[in-house]
Every structure is written in structure tokens, then in C-alpha cells.
N, C-alpha and C. Protein backbone atom coordinates (compact mmCIF):
# COMPACT_ATOMS: atom_id res chain seq x y z
N UNK A 1 -5.96 -26.69 -33.57
CA UNK A 1 -6.56 -27.21 -34.78
C UNK A 1 -5.48 -27.37 -35.85
N UNK A 2 -5.44 -28.53 -36.47
CA UNK A 2 -4.50 -28.79 -37.56
C UNK A 2 -5.28 -29.29 -38.77
N UNK A 3 -4.98 -28.73 -39.94
CA UNK A 3 -5.58 -29.17 -41.20
C UNK A 3 -4.47 -29.64 -42.13
N UNK A 4 -4.77 -30.64 -42.94
CA UNK A 4 -3.83 -31.11 -43.96
C UNK A 4 -4.56 -31.12 -45.30
N UNK A 5 -3.92 -30.52 -46.31
CA UNK A 5 -4.49 -30.49 -47.66
C UNK A 5 -3.50 -31.15 -48.62
N UNK A 6 -3.94 -32.20 -49.29
CA UNK A 6 -3.09 -32.90 -50.25
C UNK A 6 -3.61 -32.57 -51.65
N UNK A 7 -2.97 -31.59 -52.29
CA UNK A 7 -3.37 -31.12 -53.61
C UNK A 7 -2.45 -31.71 -54.66
N UNK A 8 -2.86 -31.63 -55.90
CA UNK A 8 -2.05 -32.18 -56.99
C UNK A 8 -0.67 -31.52 -57.03
N UNK A 9 -0.64 -30.21 -56.89
CA UNK A 9 0.62 -29.47 -57.05
C UNK A 9 1.35 -29.21 -55.74
N UNK A 10 0.69 -29.43 -54.61
CA UNK A 10 1.27 -29.01 -53.34
C UNK A 10 0.59 -29.72 -52.18
N UNK A 11 1.37 -30.03 -51.14
CA UNK A 11 0.83 -30.48 -49.86
C UNK A 11 0.95 -29.33 -48.87
N UNK A 12 -0.09 -29.12 -48.08
CA UNK A 12 -0.13 -28.00 -47.13
C UNK A 12 -0.64 -28.50 -45.78
N UNK A 13 0.03 -28.08 -44.72
CA UNK A 13 -0.44 -28.33 -43.35
C UNK A 13 -0.56 -27.00 -42.63
N UNK A 14 -1.65 -26.84 -41.86
CA UNK A 14 -1.94 -25.58 -41.19
C UNK A 14 -2.28 -25.85 -39.73
N UNK A 15 -1.65 -25.07 -38.86
CA UNK A 15 -1.90 -25.14 -37.41
C UNK A 15 -2.42 -23.79 -36.96
N UNK A 16 -3.50 -23.79 -36.17
CA UNK A 16 -4.08 -22.54 -35.68
C UNK A 16 -4.57 -22.74 -34.25
N UNK A 17 -4.12 -21.89 -33.33
CA UNK A 17 -4.55 -21.99 -31.94
C UNK A 17 -4.70 -20.58 -31.36
N UNK A 18 -5.69 -20.41 -30.49
CA UNK A 18 -5.92 -19.12 -29.85
C UNK A 18 -4.97 -18.93 -28.67
N UNK A 19 -4.75 -17.68 -28.33
CA UNK A 19 -3.99 -17.34 -27.13
C UNK A 19 -4.62 -18.01 -25.91
N UNK A 20 -3.79 -18.50 -25.02
CA UNK A 20 -4.28 -19.20 -23.84
C UNK A 20 -5.27 -18.32 -23.07
N UNK A 21 -6.44 -18.86 -22.78
CA UNK A 21 -7.47 -18.12 -22.06
C UNK A 21 -8.50 -17.46 -22.95
N UNK A 22 -8.25 -17.41 -24.27
CA UNK A 22 -9.19 -16.82 -25.22
C UNK A 22 -10.01 -17.90 -25.91
N UNK A 23 -11.26 -17.61 -26.19
CA UNK A 23 -12.11 -18.60 -26.87
C UNK A 23 -11.94 -18.55 -28.38
N UNK A 24 -11.35 -17.46 -28.89
CA UNK A 24 -11.20 -17.34 -30.34
C UNK A 24 -9.81 -16.83 -30.68
N UNK A 25 -9.39 -17.08 -31.91
CA UNK A 25 -8.08 -16.63 -32.40
C UNK A 25 -8.24 -15.37 -33.23
N UNK A 26 -7.33 -14.43 -33.06
CA UNK A 26 -7.30 -13.23 -33.89
C UNK A 26 -6.58 -13.44 -35.20
N UNK A 27 -6.10 -14.66 -35.43
CA UNK A 27 -5.47 -15.01 -36.71
C UNK A 27 -6.50 -15.68 -37.61
N UNK A 28 -6.32 -15.52 -38.91
CA UNK A 28 -7.18 -16.21 -39.86
C UNK A 28 -6.35 -16.55 -41.09
N UNK A 29 -6.77 -17.59 -41.83
CA UNK A 29 -6.01 -18.01 -43.01
C UNK A 29 -6.98 -18.50 -44.07
N UNK A 30 -6.46 -18.58 -45.29
CA UNK A 30 -7.29 -19.06 -46.41
C UNK A 30 -6.37 -19.65 -47.47
N UNK A 31 -6.75 -20.78 -48.02
CA UNK A 31 -6.03 -21.36 -49.17
C UNK A 31 -7.05 -21.76 -50.22
N UNK A 32 -6.67 -21.62 -51.48
CA UNK A 32 -7.53 -22.06 -52.57
C UNK A 32 -6.67 -22.54 -53.73
N UNK A 33 -7.12 -23.58 -54.40
CA UNK A 33 -6.48 -24.08 -55.61
C UNK A 33 -7.44 -23.88 -56.78
N UNK A 34 -6.93 -23.32 -57.88
CA UNK A 34 -7.67 -23.25 -59.14
C UNK A 34 -6.86 -24.00 -60.19
N UNK A 35 -7.31 -23.97 -61.43
CA UNK A 35 -6.55 -24.62 -62.51
C UNK A 35 -5.22 -23.95 -62.75
N UNK A 36 -5.10 -22.67 -62.40
CA UNK A 36 -3.92 -21.88 -62.76
C UNK A 36 -3.01 -21.53 -61.59
N UNK A 37 -3.51 -21.61 -60.37
CA UNK A 37 -2.69 -21.15 -59.25
C UNK A 37 -3.19 -21.73 -57.93
N UNK A 38 -2.31 -21.65 -56.93
CA UNK A 38 -2.69 -21.86 -55.53
C UNK A 38 -2.39 -20.57 -54.78
N UNK A 39 -3.36 -20.11 -54.01
CA UNK A 39 -3.19 -18.91 -53.20
C UNK A 39 -3.25 -19.30 -51.72
N UNK A 40 -2.31 -18.76 -50.94
CA UNK A 40 -2.30 -18.94 -49.49
C UNK A 40 -2.23 -17.55 -48.86
N UNK A 41 -3.09 -17.30 -47.88
CA UNK A 41 -3.10 -16.00 -47.22
C UNK A 41 -3.23 -16.19 -45.72
N UNK A 42 -2.62 -15.27 -44.97
CA UNK A 42 -2.70 -15.31 -43.51
C UNK A 42 -2.80 -13.88 -42.99
N UNK A 43 -3.74 -13.66 -42.07
CA UNK A 43 -3.93 -12.35 -41.45
C UNK A 43 -3.89 -12.49 -39.94
N UNK A 44 -3.40 -11.47 -39.28
CA UNK A 44 -3.37 -11.40 -37.82
C UNK A 44 -4.01 -10.08 -37.43
N UNK A 45 -5.20 -10.15 -36.81
CA UNK A 45 -5.84 -8.93 -36.33
C UNK A 45 -5.07 -8.34 -35.17
N UNK A 46 -4.95 -7.02 -35.14
CA UNK A 46 -4.17 -6.39 -34.08
C UNK A 46 -4.78 -6.69 -32.71
N UNK A 47 -3.92 -7.00 -31.76
CA UNK A 47 -4.37 -7.41 -30.44
C UNK A 47 -4.80 -8.87 -30.46
N UNK A 48 -5.78 -9.20 -29.64
CA UNK A 48 -6.31 -10.57 -29.62
C UNK A 48 -7.79 -10.50 -29.27
N UNK A 49 -8.45 -11.64 -29.30
CA UNK A 49 -9.86 -11.68 -28.95
C UNK A 49 -10.78 -11.43 -30.13
N UNK A 50 -12.05 -11.13 -29.82
CA UNK A 50 -13.09 -11.09 -30.83
C UNK A 50 -12.89 -9.98 -31.87
N UNK A 51 -12.46 -8.79 -31.43
CA UNK A 51 -12.26 -7.70 -32.39
C UNK A 51 -11.12 -8.01 -33.35
N UNK A 52 -10.07 -8.63 -32.86
CA UNK A 52 -8.97 -9.05 -33.74
C UNK A 52 -9.45 -10.11 -34.71
N UNK A 53 -10.24 -11.07 -34.23
CA UNK A 53 -10.80 -12.11 -35.09
C UNK A 53 -11.66 -11.51 -36.19
N UNK A 54 -12.51 -10.55 -35.83
CA UNK A 54 -13.40 -9.94 -36.82
C UNK A 54 -12.62 -9.25 -37.93
N UNK A 55 -11.57 -8.51 -37.57
CA UNK A 55 -10.75 -7.83 -38.58
C UNK A 55 -10.09 -8.84 -39.51
N UNK A 56 -9.53 -9.91 -38.93
CA UNK A 56 -8.86 -10.92 -39.75
C UNK A 56 -9.85 -11.64 -40.67
N UNK A 57 -11.05 -11.91 -40.17
CA UNK A 57 -12.04 -12.60 -40.99
C UNK A 57 -12.56 -11.72 -42.12
N UNK A 58 -12.64 -10.41 -41.89
CA UNK A 58 -13.03 -9.49 -42.97
C UNK A 58 -12.02 -9.59 -44.11
N UNK A 59 -10.73 -9.59 -43.76
CA UNK A 59 -9.69 -9.70 -44.79
C UNK A 59 -9.81 -11.01 -45.55
N UNK A 60 -10.03 -12.11 -44.85
CA UNK A 60 -10.13 -13.41 -45.53
C UNK A 60 -11.36 -13.47 -46.43
N UNK A 61 -12.46 -12.84 -46.02
CA UNK A 61 -13.66 -12.84 -46.86
C UNK A 61 -13.43 -12.07 -48.15
N UNK A 62 -12.67 -10.97 -48.08
CA UNK A 62 -12.31 -10.24 -49.30
C UNK A 62 -11.52 -11.16 -50.23
N UNK A 63 -10.54 -11.86 -49.67
CA UNK A 63 -9.68 -12.72 -50.49
C UNK A 63 -10.48 -13.86 -51.11
N UNK A 64 -11.42 -14.43 -50.37
CA UNK A 64 -12.27 -15.49 -50.92
C UNK A 64 -13.01 -15.02 -52.16
N UNK A 65 -13.42 -13.75 -52.16
CA UNK A 65 -14.20 -13.21 -53.27
C UNK A 65 -13.35 -12.64 -54.39
N UNK A 66 -12.08 -12.34 -54.11
CA UNK A 66 -11.24 -11.60 -55.08
C UNK A 66 -9.94 -12.32 -55.41
N UNK A 67 -9.83 -13.61 -55.13
CA UNK A 67 -8.54 -14.29 -55.24
C UNK A 67 -7.99 -14.34 -56.66
N UNK A 68 -8.83 -14.12 -57.68
CA UNK A 68 -8.34 -14.17 -59.06
C UNK A 68 -7.55 -12.91 -59.43
N UNK A 69 -7.64 -11.86 -58.64
CA UNK A 69 -6.91 -10.62 -58.91
C UNK A 69 -5.44 -10.77 -58.52
N UNK A 70 -4.61 -9.81 -58.96
CA UNK A 70 -3.21 -9.85 -58.56
C UNK A 70 -3.11 -9.53 -57.06
N UNK A 71 -2.03 -9.97 -56.44
CA UNK A 71 -1.94 -9.91 -54.98
C UNK A 71 -1.90 -8.47 -54.45
N UNK A 72 -1.32 -7.55 -55.20
CA UNK A 72 -1.31 -6.15 -54.77
C UNK A 72 -2.71 -5.56 -54.74
N UNK A 73 -3.52 -5.88 -55.75
CA UNK A 73 -4.90 -5.39 -55.80
C UNK A 73 -5.72 -6.02 -54.68
N UNK A 74 -5.51 -7.32 -54.43
CA UNK A 74 -6.22 -7.98 -53.33
C UNK A 74 -5.88 -7.28 -52.00
N UNK A 75 -4.60 -6.99 -51.79
CA UNK A 75 -4.17 -6.33 -50.57
C UNK A 75 -4.88 -4.98 -50.42
N UNK A 76 -4.97 -4.22 -51.50
CA UNK A 76 -5.63 -2.91 -51.45
C UNK A 76 -7.11 -3.06 -51.11
N UNK A 77 -7.76 -4.05 -51.69
CA UNK A 77 -9.19 -4.27 -51.40
C UNK A 77 -9.40 -4.67 -49.94
N UNK A 78 -8.48 -5.44 -49.39
CA UNK A 78 -8.55 -5.76 -47.96
C UNK A 78 -8.40 -4.49 -47.12
N UNK A 79 -7.44 -3.66 -47.49
CA UNK A 79 -7.20 -2.43 -46.75
C UNK A 79 -8.44 -1.54 -46.75
N UNK A 80 -9.13 -1.47 -47.88
CA UNK A 80 -10.32 -0.63 -47.98
C UNK A 80 -11.42 -1.05 -47.01
N UNK A 81 -11.40 -2.31 -46.57
CA UNK A 81 -12.43 -2.82 -45.66
C UNK A 81 -12.04 -2.70 -44.19
N UNK A 82 -10.85 -2.15 -43.91
CA UNK A 82 -10.34 -2.17 -42.54
C UNK A 82 -10.76 -0.96 -41.72
N UNK A 83 -11.36 0.06 -42.33
CA UNK A 83 -11.82 1.21 -41.57
C UNK A 83 -12.80 0.79 -40.48
N UNK A 84 -12.60 1.29 -39.26
CA UNK A 84 -13.48 0.95 -38.15
C UNK A 84 -13.17 -0.37 -37.48
N UNK A 85 -12.11 -1.05 -37.93
CA UNK A 85 -11.69 -2.30 -37.30
C UNK A 85 -10.36 -2.10 -36.58
N UNK A 86 -9.91 -3.14 -35.90
CA UNK A 86 -8.59 -3.11 -35.27
C UNK A 86 -7.48 -2.98 -36.30
N UNK A 87 -7.75 -3.46 -37.52
CA UNK A 87 -6.71 -3.54 -38.54
C UNK A 87 -6.02 -4.90 -38.50
N UNK A 88 -5.28 -5.20 -39.57
CA UNK A 88 -4.60 -6.49 -39.66
C UNK A 88 -3.22 -6.33 -40.27
N UNK A 89 -2.36 -7.29 -39.99
CA UNK A 89 -1.18 -7.54 -40.82
C UNK A 89 -1.53 -8.72 -41.72
N UNK A 90 -0.97 -8.74 -42.92
CA UNK A 90 -1.44 -9.71 -43.92
C UNK A 90 -0.32 -10.09 -44.88
N UNK A 91 -0.22 -11.37 -45.17
CA UNK A 91 0.67 -11.87 -46.22
C UNK A 91 -0.13 -12.72 -47.19
N UNK A 92 0.11 -12.49 -48.50
CA UNK A 92 -0.55 -13.26 -49.55
C UNK A 92 0.52 -13.88 -50.45
N UNK A 93 0.41 -15.18 -50.70
CA UNK A 93 1.28 -15.89 -51.65
C UNK A 93 0.40 -16.45 -52.76
N UNK A 94 0.85 -16.27 -54.00
CA UNK A 94 0.14 -16.84 -55.14
C UNK A 94 1.14 -17.59 -56.01
N UNK A 95 0.97 -18.90 -56.11
CA UNK A 95 1.86 -19.78 -56.88
C UNK A 95 1.24 -19.98 -58.26
N UNK A 96 1.85 -19.40 -59.28
CA UNK A 96 1.33 -19.51 -60.65
C UNK A 96 1.94 -20.73 -61.33
N UNK A 97 1.08 -21.66 -61.76
CA UNK A 97 1.56 -22.92 -62.32
C UNK A 97 2.22 -22.74 -63.68
N UNK A 98 1.79 -21.73 -64.45
CA UNK A 98 2.32 -21.52 -65.80
C UNK A 98 3.69 -20.87 -65.78
N UNK A 99 3.80 -19.76 -65.03
CA UNK A 99 5.06 -19.01 -64.99
C UNK A 99 6.06 -19.60 -64.00
N UNK A 100 5.59 -20.49 -63.11
CA UNK A 100 6.43 -21.04 -62.03
C UNK A 100 7.02 -19.92 -61.18
N UNK A 101 6.17 -18.92 -60.91
CA UNK A 101 6.56 -17.80 -60.06
C UNK A 101 5.58 -17.66 -58.91
N UNK A 102 6.11 -17.20 -57.77
CA UNK A 102 5.29 -16.87 -56.61
C UNK A 102 5.20 -15.36 -56.53
N UNK A 103 3.99 -14.84 -56.42
CA UNK A 103 3.80 -13.43 -56.09
C UNK A 103 3.63 -13.33 -54.58
N UNK A 104 4.49 -12.53 -53.95
CA UNK A 104 4.48 -12.35 -52.50
C UNK A 104 4.17 -10.89 -52.21
N UNK A 105 3.05 -10.64 -51.54
CA UNK A 105 2.69 -9.29 -51.12
C UNK A 105 2.39 -9.32 -49.63
N UNK A 106 2.94 -8.35 -48.91
CA UNK A 106 2.89 -8.39 -47.45
C UNK A 106 2.81 -6.99 -46.87
N UNK A 107 2.08 -6.87 -45.76
CA UNK A 107 2.18 -5.71 -44.88
C UNK A 107 2.19 -6.25 -43.45
N UNK A 108 3.27 -5.97 -42.72
CA UNK A 108 3.33 -6.36 -41.32
C UNK A 108 4.08 -7.65 -41.06
N UNK A 109 3.94 -8.15 -39.83
CA UNK A 109 4.84 -9.19 -39.33
C UNK A 109 4.28 -10.61 -39.44
N UNK A 110 3.64 -10.94 -40.55
CA UNK A 110 3.42 -12.35 -40.90
C UNK A 110 4.67 -12.79 -41.64
N UNK A 111 5.44 -13.66 -41.05
CA UNK A 111 6.75 -14.04 -41.61
C UNK A 111 6.62 -15.15 -42.64
N UNK A 112 7.57 -15.19 -43.57
CA UNK A 112 7.55 -16.19 -44.63
C UNK A 112 8.99 -16.56 -44.97
N UNK A 113 9.25 -17.86 -45.09
CA UNK A 113 10.58 -18.35 -45.46
C UNK A 113 10.42 -19.45 -46.51
N UNK A 114 11.27 -19.40 -47.54
CA UNK A 114 11.28 -20.42 -48.60
C UNK A 114 12.59 -21.19 -48.55
N UNK A 115 12.51 -22.50 -48.80
CA UNK A 115 13.68 -23.38 -48.83
C UNK A 115 13.68 -24.12 -50.16
N UNK A 116 14.71 -23.92 -50.98
CA UNK A 116 14.75 -24.67 -52.23
C UNK A 116 15.43 -26.02 -51.98
N UNK A 117 15.33 -26.96 -52.93
CA UNK A 117 15.85 -28.32 -52.69
C UNK A 117 17.34 -28.38 -52.37
N UNK A 118 18.10 -27.37 -52.79
CA UNK A 118 19.53 -27.36 -52.50
C UNK A 118 19.84 -26.95 -51.07
N UNK A 119 18.80 -26.51 -50.35
CA UNK A 119 19.00 -26.05 -48.98
C UNK A 119 19.11 -24.55 -48.86
N UNK A 120 19.09 -23.85 -49.99
CA UNK A 120 19.17 -22.39 -49.97
C UNK A 120 17.90 -21.81 -49.35
N UNK A 121 18.08 -20.79 -48.53
CA UNK A 121 16.98 -20.17 -47.79
C UNK A 121 16.70 -18.78 -48.34
N UNK A 122 15.43 -18.44 -48.50
CA UNK A 122 15.03 -17.10 -48.93
C UNK A 122 13.98 -16.58 -47.97
N UNK A 123 14.25 -15.43 -47.39
CA UNK A 123 13.29 -14.78 -46.50
C UNK A 123 12.93 -13.43 -47.11
N UNK A 124 11.75 -13.30 -47.73
CA UNK A 124 11.38 -12.02 -48.35
C UNK A 124 11.34 -10.90 -47.31
N UNK A 125 11.61 -9.69 -47.77
CA UNK A 125 11.63 -8.53 -46.88
C UNK A 125 10.19 -8.05 -46.66
N UNK A 126 9.70 -8.06 -45.41
CA UNK A 126 8.33 -7.59 -45.17
C UNK A 126 8.24 -6.07 -45.20
N UNK A 127 7.03 -5.58 -45.39
CA UNK A 127 6.74 -4.14 -45.36
C UNK A 127 6.22 -3.80 -43.97
N UNK A 128 6.76 -2.79 -43.35
CA UNK A 128 6.33 -2.42 -42.01
C UNK A 128 4.94 -1.80 -42.04
N UNK A 129 4.21 -1.96 -40.94
CA UNK A 129 2.91 -1.34 -40.82
C UNK A 129 1.79 -2.36 -40.73
N UNK A 130 0.57 -1.87 -40.93
CA UNK A 130 -0.60 -2.75 -40.92
C UNK A 130 -1.71 -2.10 -41.74
N UNK A 131 -2.68 -2.89 -42.13
CA UNK A 131 -3.81 -2.39 -42.91
C UNK A 131 -4.84 -1.79 -41.96
N UNK A 132 -5.17 -0.52 -42.17
CA UNK A 132 -6.10 0.18 -41.28
C UNK A 132 -7.16 0.95 -42.03
N UNK A 133 -7.13 0.89 -43.35
CA UNK A 133 -8.03 1.69 -44.17
C UNK A 133 -7.37 2.93 -44.74
N UNK A 134 -6.21 3.31 -44.18
CA UNK A 134 -5.48 4.45 -44.72
C UNK A 134 -4.72 4.03 -45.97
N UNK A 135 -4.54 4.97 -46.89
CA UNK A 135 -3.87 4.66 -48.16
C UNK A 135 -2.45 4.17 -47.91
N UNK A 136 -2.07 3.12 -48.63
CA UNK A 136 -0.73 2.54 -48.50
C UNK A 136 -0.19 2.19 -49.88
N UNK A 137 1.13 2.05 -49.95
CA UNK A 137 1.76 1.50 -51.15
C UNK A 137 2.14 0.05 -50.86
N UNK A 138 1.98 -0.80 -51.87
CA UNK A 138 2.27 -2.23 -51.71
C UNK A 138 3.38 -2.62 -52.67
N UNK A 139 4.22 -3.54 -52.22
CA UNK A 139 5.30 -4.03 -53.06
C UNK A 139 5.14 -5.54 -53.20
N UNK A 140 5.09 -6.00 -54.44
CA UNK A 140 4.99 -7.43 -54.70
C UNK A 140 6.35 -7.95 -55.16
N UNK A 141 6.84 -8.97 -54.47
CA UNK A 141 8.08 -9.63 -54.88
C UNK A 141 7.73 -10.89 -55.66
N UNK A 142 8.46 -11.13 -56.75
CA UNK A 142 8.23 -12.33 -57.57
C UNK A 142 9.39 -13.29 -57.34
N UNK A 143 9.04 -14.51 -56.98
CA UNK A 143 10.03 -15.51 -56.56
C UNK A 143 9.83 -16.77 -57.39
N UNK A 144 10.86 -17.26 -58.09
CA UNK A 144 10.70 -18.51 -58.85
C UNK A 144 10.55 -19.71 -57.91
N UNK A 145 9.80 -20.72 -58.35
CA UNK A 145 9.69 -21.93 -57.55
C UNK A 145 9.76 -23.16 -58.45
N UNK A 146 10.09 -24.28 -57.84
CA UNK A 146 10.21 -25.54 -58.57
C UNK A 146 9.77 -26.68 -57.65
N UNK A 147 9.79 -27.88 -58.19
CA UNK A 147 9.42 -29.06 -57.40
C UNK A 147 10.28 -29.15 -56.14
N UNK A 148 9.65 -29.54 -55.04
CA UNK A 148 10.28 -29.77 -53.74
C UNK A 148 10.64 -28.49 -52.98
N UNK A 149 10.25 -27.32 -53.49
CA UNK A 149 10.38 -26.11 -52.69
C UNK A 149 9.45 -26.22 -51.47
N UNK A 150 9.98 -25.87 -50.31
CA UNK A 150 9.22 -25.88 -49.06
C UNK A 150 9.09 -24.44 -48.58
N UNK A 151 7.95 -24.11 -47.99
CA UNK A 151 7.81 -22.77 -47.41
C UNK A 151 7.03 -22.85 -46.10
N UNK A 152 7.30 -21.88 -45.24
CA UNK A 152 6.55 -21.73 -44.00
C UNK A 152 6.11 -20.27 -43.89
N UNK A 153 4.86 -20.08 -43.51
CA UNK A 153 4.31 -18.76 -43.23
C UNK A 153 3.73 -18.82 -41.82
N UNK A 154 4.01 -17.80 -41.00
CA UNK A 154 3.57 -17.90 -39.61
C UNK A 154 3.33 -16.53 -38.98
N UNK A 155 2.39 -16.50 -38.03
CA UNK A 155 2.11 -15.28 -37.29
C UNK A 155 3.09 -15.14 -36.13
N UNK A 156 3.02 -13.99 -35.44
CA UNK A 156 4.05 -13.69 -34.44
C UNK A 156 3.89 -14.49 -33.15
N UNK A 157 2.87 -15.35 -33.08
CA UNK A 157 2.77 -16.24 -31.92
C UNK A 157 3.80 -17.35 -31.91
N UNK A 158 4.41 -17.62 -33.07
CA UNK A 158 5.46 -18.64 -33.16
C UNK A 158 6.82 -18.02 -32.88
N UNK A 159 7.51 -18.57 -31.90
CA UNK A 159 8.89 -18.14 -31.61
C UNK A 159 9.83 -19.00 -32.46
N UNK A 160 10.11 -18.53 -33.67
CA UNK A 160 10.96 -19.27 -34.60
C UNK A 160 12.42 -19.01 -34.26
N UNK A 161 13.24 -20.05 -34.22
CA UNK A 161 14.66 -19.84 -33.94
C UNK A 161 15.51 -20.53 -35.01
N UNK A 162 16.78 -20.16 -35.13
CA UNK A 162 17.62 -20.68 -36.21
C UNK A 162 17.70 -22.21 -36.27
N UNK A 163 17.60 -22.88 -35.14
CA UNK A 163 17.64 -24.34 -35.15
C UNK A 163 16.45 -24.96 -35.87
N UNK A 164 15.37 -24.19 -36.01
CA UNK A 164 14.18 -24.71 -36.68
C UNK A 164 14.39 -24.89 -38.18
N UNK A 165 15.36 -24.18 -38.77
CA UNK A 165 15.56 -24.26 -40.22
C UNK A 165 15.81 -25.70 -40.69
N UNK A 166 16.51 -26.48 -39.87
CA UNK A 166 16.88 -27.84 -40.30
C UNK A 166 15.65 -28.71 -40.53
N UNK A 167 14.53 -28.37 -39.90
CA UNK A 167 13.30 -29.15 -40.08
C UNK A 167 12.83 -29.11 -41.53
N UNK A 168 13.12 -28.00 -42.22
CA UNK A 168 12.53 -27.75 -43.54
C UNK A 168 13.44 -28.09 -44.72
N UNK A 169 14.65 -28.53 -44.44
CA UNK A 169 15.57 -28.85 -45.54
C UNK A 169 15.70 -30.35 -45.76
N UNK A 170 14.86 -31.12 -45.08
CA UNK A 170 14.79 -32.56 -45.33
C UNK A 170 13.62 -32.83 -46.25
N UNK A 171 13.56 -34.03 -46.80
CA UNK A 171 12.53 -34.35 -47.79
C UNK A 171 11.28 -34.95 -47.14
N UNK A 172 10.85 -34.35 -46.03
CA UNK A 172 9.66 -34.84 -45.35
C UNK A 172 8.42 -34.15 -45.89
N UNK A 173 7.27 -34.71 -45.56
CA UNK A 173 6.02 -34.08 -45.95
C UNK A 173 5.66 -33.01 -44.92
N UNK A 174 4.84 -32.01 -45.30
CA UNK A 174 4.50 -30.93 -44.37
C UNK A 174 3.91 -31.41 -43.05
N UNK A 175 3.13 -32.50 -43.07
CA UNK A 175 2.57 -33.02 -41.82
C UNK A 175 3.67 -33.34 -40.82
N UNK A 176 4.74 -34.00 -41.30
CA UNK A 176 5.84 -34.36 -40.40
C UNK A 176 6.63 -33.14 -39.98
N UNK A 177 6.82 -32.20 -40.91
CA UNK A 177 7.52 -30.96 -40.55
C UNK A 177 6.78 -30.23 -39.45
N UNK A 178 5.44 -30.16 -39.57
CA UNK A 178 4.63 -29.47 -38.56
C UNK A 178 4.77 -30.17 -37.21
N UNK A 179 4.70 -31.49 -37.21
CA UNK A 179 4.85 -32.24 -35.96
C UNK A 179 6.20 -31.97 -35.31
N UNK A 180 7.25 -32.00 -36.12
CA UNK A 180 8.60 -31.75 -35.59
C UNK A 180 8.73 -30.34 -35.04
N UNK A 181 8.14 -29.37 -35.73
CA UNK A 181 8.22 -27.98 -35.28
C UNK A 181 7.47 -27.80 -33.96
N UNK A 182 6.26 -28.33 -33.87
CA UNK A 182 5.44 -28.13 -32.67
C UNK A 182 5.99 -28.89 -31.47
N UNK A 183 6.68 -30.00 -31.72
CA UNK A 183 7.28 -30.76 -30.62
C UNK A 183 8.30 -29.94 -29.85
N UNK A 184 8.89 -28.94 -30.52
CA UNK A 184 9.94 -28.14 -29.90
C UNK A 184 9.42 -26.86 -29.26
N UNK A 185 8.09 -26.63 -29.32
CA UNK A 185 7.54 -25.35 -28.88
C UNK A 185 6.70 -25.50 -27.62
N UNK A 186 6.76 -24.48 -26.78
CA UNK A 186 5.90 -24.42 -25.60
C UNK A 186 4.50 -23.99 -26.02
N UNK A 187 3.55 -24.07 -25.12
CA UNK A 187 2.18 -23.65 -25.44
C UNK A 187 2.16 -22.16 -25.78
N UNK A 188 1.23 -21.78 -26.65
CA UNK A 188 1.22 -20.43 -27.22
C UNK A 188 0.85 -19.38 -26.17
N UNK A 189 1.63 -18.30 -26.14
CA UNK A 189 1.30 -17.15 -25.30
C UNK A 189 0.53 -16.11 -26.11
N UNK A 190 0.36 -16.35 -27.40
CA UNK A 190 -0.38 -15.46 -28.28
C UNK A 190 -1.08 -16.33 -29.31
N UNK A 191 -2.05 -15.74 -30.03
CA UNK A 191 -2.63 -16.45 -31.16
C UNK A 191 -1.50 -16.91 -32.07
N UNK A 192 -1.58 -18.13 -32.55
CA UNK A 192 -0.51 -18.68 -33.38
C UNK A 192 -1.10 -19.40 -34.58
N UNK A 193 -0.62 -19.05 -35.76
CA UNK A 193 -0.99 -19.76 -36.98
C UNK A 193 0.27 -20.07 -37.76
N UNK A 194 0.39 -21.31 -38.22
CA UNK A 194 1.55 -21.76 -38.99
C UNK A 194 1.03 -22.49 -40.22
N UNK A 195 1.55 -22.14 -41.37
CA UNK A 195 1.22 -22.82 -42.62
C UNK A 195 2.51 -23.31 -43.25
N UNK A 196 2.60 -24.61 -43.49
CA UNK A 196 3.78 -25.21 -44.12
C UNK A 196 3.34 -25.87 -45.42
N UNK A 197 4.05 -25.58 -46.51
CA UNK A 197 3.71 -26.17 -47.80
C UNK A 197 4.93 -26.74 -48.49
N UNK A 198 4.68 -27.72 -49.36
CA UNK A 198 5.75 -28.30 -50.18
C UNK A 198 5.21 -28.53 -51.58
N UNK A 199 5.94 -28.02 -52.57
CA UNK A 199 5.52 -28.15 -53.97
C UNK A 199 5.80 -29.57 -54.45
N UNK A 200 4.82 -30.19 -55.08
CA UNK A 200 4.96 -31.55 -55.60
C UNK A 200 5.54 -31.55 -57.02
């Protein structure tokens, strides 16, 4: 499944596929645009199959209802709902139009890379672990952004390699970047979700 969103401030393309042989994906994602910000979130339920899907969807439902809060508070509210589930790894990005800053909050191995127009690459440092309902500390990194910044967020089903970086430093639209990335990849051995965005 591929979705394309053409927003005033950003173009976004999203790819989501279940592990081969499974009817459902344990990954889930959510994006929303308001007058003040765009939020992108991705969760990967531990393991695969229906229980992983349920955990990831619980996290996304929290975010749908609480997206106006700061990303650290949203992360904590997701964690509070994880008791009795498989648990999830989760990354939340919030692009603030006024401050021109991205709030990045993460727990676990949902990877994220930013490319500025000069070709400079930024890979925020993830926090180890996963959300399980147990108390955790969260760290939010603030990252400046400008026109033509490109970013990719992806679950561990994507085998990203250094040669893939060149796809994101050209002035293409996310739809074309996604096509170029997927053309180089074999069929997924795990649930795979990829979100590519470009600031307009």
C-alpha cells in the first residue's frame, strides 16, 4: 500500500506492507496537518501479526486524540496504554511552522534521517528500548528545518544501505524517491513501513 499526501507545507509518501505470509502489518503510522504544525508518527508492534498490529494501533489512536500536546507527553500517554500488549517502538516528528523547528521524540528502532538542501545528513540518536507500560524517561531533540529539507522515517523491515542516501539529496518529489528506493529492494521479510517527506 502506498499513499501520497500533497500538503501546502510538505509532500509526504508512505509505503506499508505486511511480512510475507501475514494478513496484517504490525506497523502503523499517522500524519496530521493543522494550522500550526504537521505531525508524523510511526509505531512497530513487537513481533508480527495481529497482536503486534493491535499494540501499534493503540499507540496511533492515542496520537490521533492527543496530537496537540508536546511530543514527550504524547509518548508518555502512548506508553501508559501499552500494559497488557506486546509493546511498541515509536517515533514522533512534529514540524512547527512558526519556530521552524522539528521536535523528535523516539523510543526504539524506528529510524529517521534528515537531508538539508546542501546535502548535509542528520541522523538523530534513538533511545534504546520499547514502550511497555513501565515508566520511562523521554528525550526530545529539536532540529531546525527549512524549505527543501527531505526526511525518511522507516521501520526495521527496510534494509537501508549507504548507497540509498543519494536518492534523497536530489530535488525529486517524495513519490519519485519512494519509487527509486523500492526499486532497489527485495520483497519484505518483515513488516515494513517507510515515510518520506519534503518540506515545500
